[in-house]
Protein backbone atom coordinates (compact mmCIF):
# COMPACT_ATOMS: atom_id res chain seq x y z
CA UNK A 1 -55.62 -89.39 35.17
CA UNK A 2 -58.55 -87.36 34.71
CA UNK A 3 -60.44 -90.65 33.62
CA UNK A 4 -60.81 -91.81 37.29
CA UNK A 5 -63.65 -90.36 39.19
CA UNK A 6 -65.40 -90.68 42.54
CA UNK A 7 -69.19 -90.89 42.75
CA UNK A 8 -70.72 -89.95 46.09
CA UNK A 9 -73.84 -90.92 47.57
CA UNK A 10 -75.57 -91.62 50.77
CA UNK A 11 -77.94 -94.21 52.13
CA UNK A 12 -79.80 -94.68 55.47
CA UNK A 13 -79.24 -98.44 56.17
CA UNK A 14 -76.47 -100.84 55.80
CA UNK A 15 -78.52 -103.56 53.56
CA UNK A 16 -79.05 -100.66 50.78
CA UNK A 17 -75.39 -99.72 50.99
CA UNK A 18 -74.13 -103.31 50.63
CA UNK A 19 -76.53 -103.97 47.64
CA UNK A 20 -75.60 -100.86 45.87
CA UNK A 21 -71.78 -101.62 46.34
CA UNK A 22 -72.07 -105.17 45.50
CA UNK A 23 -73.99 -104.61 42.46
CA UNK A 24 -71.83 -101.82 41.12
CA UNK A 25 -68.69 -104.00 41.57
CA UNK A 26 -70.30 -107.16 40.15
CA UNK A 27 -71.52 -105.27 37.11
CA UNK A 28 -68.12 -103.70 36.52
CA UNK A 29 -69.37 -100.33 36.90
CA UNK A 30 -67.10 -99.61 39.91
CA UNK A 31 -63.60 -100.87 40.66
CA UNK A 32 -64.15 -100.45 44.52
CA UNK A 33 -66.95 -99.13 46.62
CA UNK A 34 -66.33 -97.87 50.08
CA UNK A 35 -69.20 -97.82 52.51
CA UNK A 36 -68.51 -95.62 55.72
CA UNK A 37 -69.54 -96.05 59.18
CA UNK A 38 -72.67 -94.58 60.13
CA UNK A 39 -72.59 -90.74 60.20
CA UNK A 40 -75.16 -87.85 61.24
CA UNK A 41 -76.56 -85.87 58.05
CA UNK A 42 -78.40 -82.52 58.68
CA UNK A 43 -80.16 -81.15 55.70
CA UNK A 44 -82.96 -79.09 54.40
CA UNK A 45 -85.72 -81.11 52.74
CA UNK A 46 -89.08 -79.86 51.74
CA UNK A 47 -88.86 -76.77 53.84
CA UNK A 48 -87.76 -78.55 57.09
CA UNK A 49 -84.26 -79.26 58.66
CA UNK A 50 -84.02 -82.85 58.94
CA UNK A 51 -81.33 -84.89 61.02
CA UNK A 52 -80.87 -88.62 60.01
CA UNK A 53 -78.20 -91.17 60.32
CA UNK A 54 -76.74 -92.31 57.05
CA UNK A 55 -73.81 -94.11 55.47
CA UNK A 56 -71.85 -92.41 52.62
CA UNK A 57 -70.83 -94.59 49.63
CA UNK A 58 -67.81 -93.73 47.66
CA UNK A 59 -67.63 -95.27 44.24
CA UNK A 60 -64.32 -95.46 42.40
CA UNK A 61 -64.93 -95.75 38.62
CA UNK A 62 -64.05 -93.72 35.19
CA UNK A 63 -65.72 -90.85 33.71
CA UNK A 64 -67.08 -93.06 30.73
CA UNK A 65 -69.03 -95.02 33.14
CA UNK A 66 -70.40 -92.29 35.13
CA UNK A 67 -73.93 -92.04 33.24
CA UNK A 68 -74.20 -95.82 33.75
CA UNK A 69 -73.35 -95.60 37.44
CA UNK A 70 -75.94 -92.61 37.91
CA UNK A 71 -78.56 -94.68 36.28
CA UNK A 72 -78.04 -97.71 38.36
CA UNK A 73 -77.93 -95.83 41.63
CA UNK A 74 -81.27 -94.20 40.71
CA UNK A 75 -82.63 -97.64 40.05
CA UNK A 76 -81.37 -99.21 43.28
CA UNK A 77 -81.67 -96.21 45.58
CA UNK A 78 -84.32 -95.88 48.18
CA UNK A 79 -84.44 -92.13 48.27
CA UNK A 80 -86.77 -90.03 46.34
CA UNK A 81 -83.87 -87.74 45.43
CA UNK A 82 -80.60 -89.74 45.87
CA UNK A 83 -77.29 -87.72 46.17
CA UNK A 84 -75.01 -88.16 43.07
CA UNK A 85 -71.96 -86.12 43.04
CA UNK A 86 -68.90 -86.94 40.69
CA UNK A 87 -65.57 -85.80 41.90
CA UNK A 88 -62.59 -85.93 39.45
CA UNK A 89 -59.42 -87.68 40.74
CA UNK A 90 -56.83 -84.88 40.28
CA UNK A 91 -53.92 -87.41 40.83
CA UNK A 92 -52.92 -90.65 42.40
CA UNK A 93 -50.58 -93.59 41.93
CA UNK A 94 -50.36 -94.63 38.19
CA UNK A 95 -50.60 -98.20 39.20
CA UNK A 96 -53.69 -97.74 41.25
CA UNK A 97 -55.48 -95.47 38.65
CA UNK A 98 -54.62 -98.32 35.85
CA UNK A 99 -56.19 -100.81 38.44
CA UNK A 100 -59.42 -98.75 38.47
CA UNK A 101 -59.55 -98.48 34.69
CA UNK A 102 -58.95 -102.19 34.20
CA UNK A 103 -61.66 -103.24 36.57
CA UNK A 104 -64.75 -101.28 35.05
CA UNK A 105 -63.89 -102.44 31.53
CA UNK A 106 -65.89 -105.51 30.15
CA UNK A 107 -63.63 -108.60 30.52
CA UNK A 108 -61.63 -109.39 27.57
CA UNK A 109 -60.01 -112.87 28.17
CA UNK A 110 -56.86 -112.44 30.23
CA UNK A 111 -56.02 -108.97 29.28
CA UNK A 112 -56.79 -107.74 32.91
CA UNK A 113 -53.31 -107.79 34.56
CA UNK A 114 -55.00 -107.43 37.91
CA UNK A 115 -57.28 -110.51 37.67
CA UNK A 116 -57.09 -113.26 40.06
């Protein structure tokens, strides 16, 4: 169960959100990526309080893929200092957790019971 984690980040525009989400899933670094509706972020940056519209991205992956996800996020991300927070999944449906694990593994023929 502790193998599944969520990686959180934010971006300012839908195009970057879509690119990051699609790339992480295409490259099997994430089983699923949620892109939230625009929200307001208020934060301190370089001594000033800033206010921006952003979209949160929630990446569902496994602990052994976190380093690769982090590296890919940094390569794709437009921010100077992208958010990258890892949150452990403390529980969940066994079937769903198994699905996440199966989706982030390199393909091995037809061993993925969830393949379409």
